[in-house]
Amino acid sequence: MSGSNAISGITIVGALIVAGEGQNMLSTVLGLLALIFATINVVGGYLVTDRMLKMFKKK
């Protein structure tokens, strides 16, 4: 899980670079979409990891 989150974090950095350059409208829109989807992926990964860890805690 953490490896997947790390890759998505790298994707977020790349999407920020592409969206920030603003060479044309298409690259800006695609960069913003990549940023949104990668952020959703990172947040979802942490939520799933947290839920799995709670399952294995002793009561």
PDB file of N, CA and C in Angstrom:
ATOM      1  N   MET A   1       0.817  -1.196   0.000  1.00  0.00           N
ATOM      2  CA  MET A   1       0.000   0.000   0.000  1.00  0.00           C
ATOM      3  C   MET A   1       0.865   1.266   0.000  1.00  0.00           C
ATOM      4  N   SER A   2       1.894   1.266   0.823  1.00  0.00           N
ATOM      5  CA  SER A   2       2.699   2.480   0.911  1.00  0.00           C
ATOM      6  C   SER A   2       3.464   2.735  -0.384  1.00  0.00           C
ATOM      7  N   GLY A   3       3.838   1.677  -1.083  1.00  0.00           N
ATOM      8  CA  GLY A   3       4.503   1.856  -2.373  1.00  0.00           C
ATOM      9  C   GLY A   3       3.584   2.495  -3.390  1.00  0.00           C
ATOM     10  N   SER A   4       2.338   2.081  -3.379  1.00  0.00           N
ATOM     11  CA  SER A   4       1.343   2.664  -4.283  1.00  0.00           C
ATOM     12  C   SER A   4       1.108   4.135  -3.955  1.00  0.00           C
ATOM     13  N   ASN A   5       1.062   4.459  -2.668  1.00  0.00           N
ATOM     14  CA  ASN A   5       0.884   5.855  -2.272  1.00  0.00           C
ATOM     15  C   ASN A   5       2.089   6.697  -2.666  1.00  0.00           C
ATOM     16  N   ALA A   6       3.279   6.124  -2.590  1.00  0.00           N
ATOM     17  CA  ALA A   6       4.480   6.863  -2.984  1.00  0.00           C
ATOM     18  C   ALA A   6       4.468   7.158  -4.480  1.00  0.00           C
ATOM     19  N   ILE A   7       4.057   6.185  -5.277  1.00  0.00           N
ATOM     20  CA  ILE A   7       3.977   6.403  -6.723  1.00  0.00           C
ATOM     21  C   ILE A   7       2.926   7.461  -7.042  1.00  0.00           C
ATOM     22  N   SER A   8       1.802   7.431  -6.336  1.00  0.00           N
ATOM     23  CA  SER A   8       0.777   8.449  -6.557  1.00  0.00           C
ATOM     24  C   SER A   8       1.271   9.825  -6.123  1.00  0.00           C
ATOM     25  N   GLY A   9       2.093   9.867  -5.098  1.00  0.00           N
ATOM     26  CA  GLY A   9       2.681  11.140  -4.681  1.00  0.00           C
ATOM     27  C   GLY A   9       3.586  11.712  -5.753  1.00  0.00           C
ATOM     28  N   ILE A  10       4.351  10.855  -6.404  1.00  0.00           N
ATOM     29  CA  ILE A  10       5.199  11.297  -7.514  1.00  0.00           C
ATOM     30  C   ILE A  10       4.330  11.783  -8.671  1.00  0.00           C
ATOM     31  N   THR A  11       3.209  11.099  -8.890  1.00  0.00           N
ATOM     32  CA  THR A  11       2.275  11.522  -9.939  1.00  0.00           C
ATOM     33  C   THR A  11       1.714  12.901  -9.637  1.00  0.00           C
ATOM     34  N   ILE A  12       1.446  13.177  -8.360  1.00  0.00           N
ATOM     35  CA  ILE A  12       0.937  14.496  -7.969  1.00  0.00           C
ATOM     36  C   ILE A  12       1.963  15.574  -8.299  1.00  0.00           C
ATOM     37  N   VAL A  13       3.222  15.314  -8.000  1.00  0.00           N
ATOM     38  CA  VAL A  13       4.271  16.297  -8.301  1.00  0.00           C
ATOM     39  C   VAL A  13       4.355  16.545  -9.809  1.00  0.00           C
ATOM     40  N   GLY A  14       4.314  15.466 -10.593  1.00  0.00           N
ATOM     41  CA  GLY A  14       4.351  15.619 -12.048  1.00  0.00           C
ATOM     42  C   GLY A  14       3.150  16.372 -12.582  1.00  0.00           C
ATOM     43  N   ALA A  15       1.974  16.087 -12.022  1.00  0.00           N
ATOM     44  CA  ALA A  15       0.764  16.780 -12.468  1.00  0.00           C
ATOM     45  C   ALA A  15       0.827  18.262 -12.127  1.00  0.00           C
ATOM     46  N   LEU A  16       1.382  18.589 -10.972  1.00  0.00           N
ATOM     47  CA  LEU A  16       1.539  20.002 -10.611  1.00  0.00           C
ATOM     48  C   LEU A  16       2.475  20.717 -11.578  1.00  0.00           C
ATOM     49  N   ILE A  17       3.532  20.049 -11.972  1.00  0.00           N
ATOM     50  CA  ILE A  17       4.480  20.655 -12.915  1.00  0.00           C
ATOM     51  C   ILE A  17       3.811  20.887 -14.264  1.00  0.00           C
ATOM     52  N   VAL A  18       3.088  19.872 -14.757  1.00  0.00           N
ATOM     53  CA  VAL A  18       2.433  19.994 -16.066  1.00  0.00           C
ATOM     54  C   VAL A  18       1.348  21.064 -16.030  1.00  0.00           C
ATOM     55  N   ALA A  19       0.531  21.057 -14.972  1.00  0.00           N
ATOM     56  CA  ALA A  19      -0.555  22.037 -14.887  1.00  0.00           C
ATOM     57  C   ALA A  19      -0.008  23.449 -14.696  1.00  0.00           C
ATOM     58  N   GLY A  20       1.111  23.570 -13.996  1.00  0.00           N
ATOM     59  CA  GLY A  20       1.674  24.886 -13.721  1.00  0.00           C
ATOM     60  C   GLY A  20       2.374  25.524 -14.904  1.00  0.00           C
ATOM     61  N   GLU A  21       2.871  24.708 -15.822  1.00  0.00           N
ATOM     62  CA  GLU A  21       3.572  25.277 -16.976  1.00  0.00           C
ATOM     63  C   GLU A  21       2.626  26.035 -17.889  1.00  0.00           C
ATOM     64  N   GLY A  22       1.434  25.511 -18.083  1.00  0.00           N
ATOM     65  CA  GLY A  22       0.425  26.205 -18.867  1.00  0.00           C
ATOM     66  C   GLY A  22       0.824  26.493 -20.296  1.00  0.00           C
ATOM     67  N   GLN A  23       1.471  25.544 -20.975  1.00  0.00           N
ATOM     68  CA  GLN A  23       1.868  25.776 -22.361  1.00  0.00           C
ATOM     69  C   GLN A  23       0.651  25.914 -23.266  1.00  0.00           C
ATOM     70  N   ASN A  24      -0.334  25.075 -23.043  1.00  0.00           N
ATOM     71  CA  ASN A  24      -1.593  25.226 -23.768  1.00  0.00           C
ATOM     72  C   ASN A  24      -2.727  24.734 -22.875  1.00  0.00           C
ATOM     73  N   MET A  25      -3.945  24.956 -23.303  1.00  0.00           N
ATOM     74  CA  MET A  25      -5.106  24.637 -22.470  1.00  0.00           C
ATOM     75  C   MET A  25      -5.236  23.136 -22.228  1.00  0.00           C
ATOM     76  N   LEU A  26      -4.924  22.322 -23.230  1.00  0.00           N
ATOM     77  CA  LEU A  26      -5.056  20.874 -23.090  1.00  0.00           C
ATOM     78  C   LEU A  26      -4.120  20.331 -22.010  1.00  0.00           C
ATOM     79  N   SER A  27      -2.874  20.765 -22.009  1.00  0.00           N
ATOM     80  CA  SER A  27      -1.938  20.269 -20.996  1.00  0.00           C
ATOM     81  C   SER A  27      -2.332  20.734 -19.599  1.00  0.00           C
ATOM     82  N   THR A  28      -2.878  21.938 -19.492  1.00  0.00           N
ATOM     83  CA  THR A  28      -3.336  22.426 -18.195  1.00  0.00           C
ATOM     84  C   THR A  28      -4.505  21.601 -17.681  1.00  0.00           C
ATOM     85  N   VAL A  29      -5.475  21.325 -18.542  1.00  0.00           N
ATOM     86  CA  VAL A  29      -6.644  20.537 -18.141  1.00  0.00           C
ATOM     87  C   VAL A  29      -6.231  19.112 -17.786  1.00  0.00           C
ATOM     88  N   LEU A  30      -5.388  18.497 -18.602  1.00  0.00           N
ATOM     89  CA  LEU A  30      -4.934  17.136 -18.306  1.00  0.00           C
ATOM     90  C   LEU A  30      -4.109  17.094 -17.017  1.00  0.00           C
ATOM     91  N   GLY A  31      -3.308  18.109 -16.779  1.00  0.00           N
ATOM     92  CA  GLY A  31      -2.542  18.181 -15.534  1.00  0.00           C
ATOM     93  C   GLY A  31      -3.437  18.301 -14.320  1.00  0.00           C
ATOM     94  N   LEU A  32      -4.485  19.115 -14.433  1.00  0.00           N
ATOM     95  CA  LEU A  32      -5.424  19.258 -13.318  1.00  0.00           C
ATOM     96  C   LEU A  32      -6.203  17.969 -13.073  1.00  0.00           C
ATOM     97  N   LEU A  33      -6.609  17.296 -14.154  1.00  0.00           N
ATOM     98  CA  LEU A  33      -7.308  16.015 -13.991  1.00  0.00           C
ATOM     99  C   LEU A  33      -6.398  14.972 -13.344  1.00  0.00           C
ATOM    100  N   ALA A  34      -5.145  14.932 -13.773  1.00  0.00           N
ATOM    101  CA  ALA A  34      -4.193  13.995 -13.170  1.00  0.00           C
ATOM    102  C   ALA A  34      -3.984  14.310 -11.695  1.00  0.00           C
ATOM    103  N   LEU A  35      -3.943  15.583 -11.372  1.00  0.00           N
ATOM    104  CA  LEU A  35      -3.783  16.001  -9.982  1.00  0.00           C
ATOM    105  C   LEU A  35      -4.968  15.554  -9.133  1.00  0.00           C
ATOM    106  N   ILE A  36      -6.168  15.745  -9.650  1.00  0.00           N
ATOM    107  CA  ILE A  36      -7.377  15.355  -8.917  1.00  0.00           C
ATOM    108  C   ILE A  36      -7.415  13.846  -8.700  1.00  0.00           C
ATOM    109  N   PHE A  37      -7.190  13.078  -9.759  1.00  0.00           N
ATOM    110  CA  PHE A  37      -7.273  11.621  -9.640  1.00  0.00           C
ATOM    111  C   PHE A  37      -6.165  11.049  -8.751  1.00  0.00           C
ATOM    112  N   ALA A  38      -4.965  11.586  -8.845  1.00  0.00           N
ATOM    113  CA  ALA A  38      -3.874  11.095  -8.002  1.00  0.00           C
ATOM    114  C   ALA A  38      -4.120  11.439  -6.535  1.00  0.00           C
ATOM    115  N   THR A  39      -4.692  12.609  -6.273  1.00  0.00           N
ATOM    116  CA  THR A  39      -5.017  12.985  -4.898  1.00  0.00           C
ATOM    117  C   THR A  39      -6.076  12.059  -4.319  1.00  0.00           C
ATOM    118  N   ILE A  40      -7.099  11.754  -5.113  1.00  0.00           N
ATOM    119  CA  ILE A  40      -8.133  10.809  -4.669  1.00  0.00           C
ATOM    120  C   ILE A  40      -7.503   9.451  -4.370  1.00  0.00           C
ATOM    121  N   ASN A  41      -6.567   9.023  -5.202  1.00  0.00           N
ATOM    122  CA  ASN A  41      -5.901   7.739  -5.011  1.00  0.00           C
ATOM    123  C   ASN A  41      -5.084   7.718  -3.721  1.00  0.00           C
ATOM    124  N   VAL A  42      -4.365   8.782  -3.435  1.00  0.00           N
ATOM    125  CA  VAL A  42      -3.557   8.842  -2.215  1.00  0.00           C
ATOM    126  C   VAL A  42      -4.449   8.833  -0.977  1.00  0.00           C
ATOM    127  N   VAL A  43      -5.475   9.665  -0.978  1.00  0.00           N
ATOM    128  CA  VAL A  43      -6.381   9.729   0.177  1.00  0.00           C
ATOM    129  C   VAL A  43      -7.074   8.388   0.384  1.00  0.00           C
ATOM    130  N   GLY A  44      -7.558   7.788  -0.689  1.00  0.00           N
ATOM    131  CA  GLY A  44      -8.201   6.481  -0.590  1.00  0.00           C
ATOM    132  C   GLY A  44      -7.251   5.417  -0.079  1.00  0.00           C
ATOM    133  N   GLY A  45      -6.005   5.461  -0.510  1.00  0.00           N
ATOM    134  CA  GLY A  45      -5.009   4.501  -0.040  1.00  0.00           C
ATOM    135  C   GLY A  45      -4.761   4.614   1.450  1.00  0.00           C
ATOM    136  N   TYR A  46      -4.687   5.844   1.945  1.00  0.00           N
ATOM    137  CA  TYR A  46      -4.492   6.017   3.381  1.00  0.00           C
ATOM    138  C   TYR A  46      -5.724   5.582   4.167  1.00  0.00           C
ATOM    139  N   LEU A  47      -6.910   5.845   3.644  1.00  0.00           N
ATOM    140  CA  LEU A  47      -8.128   5.424   4.341  1.00  0.00           C
ATOM    141  C   LEU A  47      -8.227   3.905   4.415  1.00  0.00           C
ATOM    142  N   VAL A  48      -7.909   3.227   3.320  1.00  0.00           N
ATOM    143  CA  VAL A  48      -7.954   1.761   3.315  1.00  0.00           C
ATOM    144  C   VAL A  48      -6.897   1.193   4.259  1.00  0.00           C
ATOM    145  N   THR A  49      -5.694   1.766   4.245  1.00  0.00           N
ATOM    146  CA  THR A  49      -4.637   1.300   5.142  1.00  0.00           C
ATOM    147  C   THR A  49      -5.043   1.482   6.594  1.00  0.00           C
ATOM    148  N   ASP A  50      -5.622   2.628   6.914  1.00  0.00           N
ATOM    149  CA  ASP A  50      -6.074   2.885   8.279  1.00  0.00           C
ATOM    150  C   ASP A  50      -7.154   1.891   8.690  1.00  0.00           C
ATOM    151  N   ARG A  51      -8.060   1.616   7.798  1.00  0.00           N
ATOM    152  CA  ARG A  51      -9.130   0.659   8.096  1.00  0.00           C
ATOM    153  C   ARG A  51      -8.567  -0.745   8.327  1.00  0.00           C
ATOM    154  N   MET A  52      -7.591  -1.142   7.522  1.00  0.00           N
ATOM    155  CA  MET A  52      -6.980  -2.461   7.702  1.00  0.00           C
ATOM    156  C   MET A  52      -6.238  -2.547   9.031  1.00  0.00           C
ATOM    157  N   LEU A  53      -5.536  -1.492   9.410  1.00  0.00           N
ATOM    158  CA  LEU A  53      -4.819  -1.499  10.682  1.00  0.00           C
ATOM    159  C   LEU A  53      -5.778  -1.585  11.860  1.00  0.00           C
ATOM    160  N   LYS A  54      -6.928  -0.932  11.758  1.00  0.00           N
ATOM    161  CA  LYS A  54      -7.930  -1.006  12.825  1.00  0.00           C
ATOM    162  C   LYS A  54      -8.491  -2.418  12.961  1.00  0.00           C
ATOM    163  N   MET A  55      -8.546  -3.171  11.868  1.00  0.00           N
ATOM    164  CA  MET A  55      -9.059  -4.536  11.927  1.00  0.00           C
ATOM    165  C   MET A  55      -8.145  -5.439  12.753  1.00  0.00           C
ATOM    166  N   PHE A  56      -6.853  -5.166  12.768  1.00  0.00           N
ATOM    167  CA  PHE A  56      -5.902  -6.037  13.447  1.00  0.00           C
ATOM    168  C   PHE A  56      -5.520  -5.554  14.839  1.00  0.00           C
ATOM    169  N   LYS A  57      -6.110  -4.457  15.309  1.00  0.00           N
ATOM    170  CA  LYS A  57      -5.837  -3.998  16.668  1.00  0.00           C
ATOM    171  C   LYS A  57      -6.514  -4.919  17.667  1.00  0.00           C
ATOM    172  N   LYS A  58      -5.845  -5.111  18.778  1.00  0.00           N
ATOM    173  CA  LYS A  58      -6.444  -5.926  19.830  1.00  0.00           C
ATOM    174  C   LYS A  58      -7.505  -5.104  20.549  1.00  0.00           C
ATOM    175  N   LYS A  59      -8.572  -5.767  20.864  1.00  0.00           N
ATOM    176  CA  LYS A  59      -9.686  -5.057  21.521  1.00  0.00           C
ATOM    177  C   LYS A  59      -9.571  -5.107  23.021  1.00  0.00           C
TER     178      LYS A  59
END
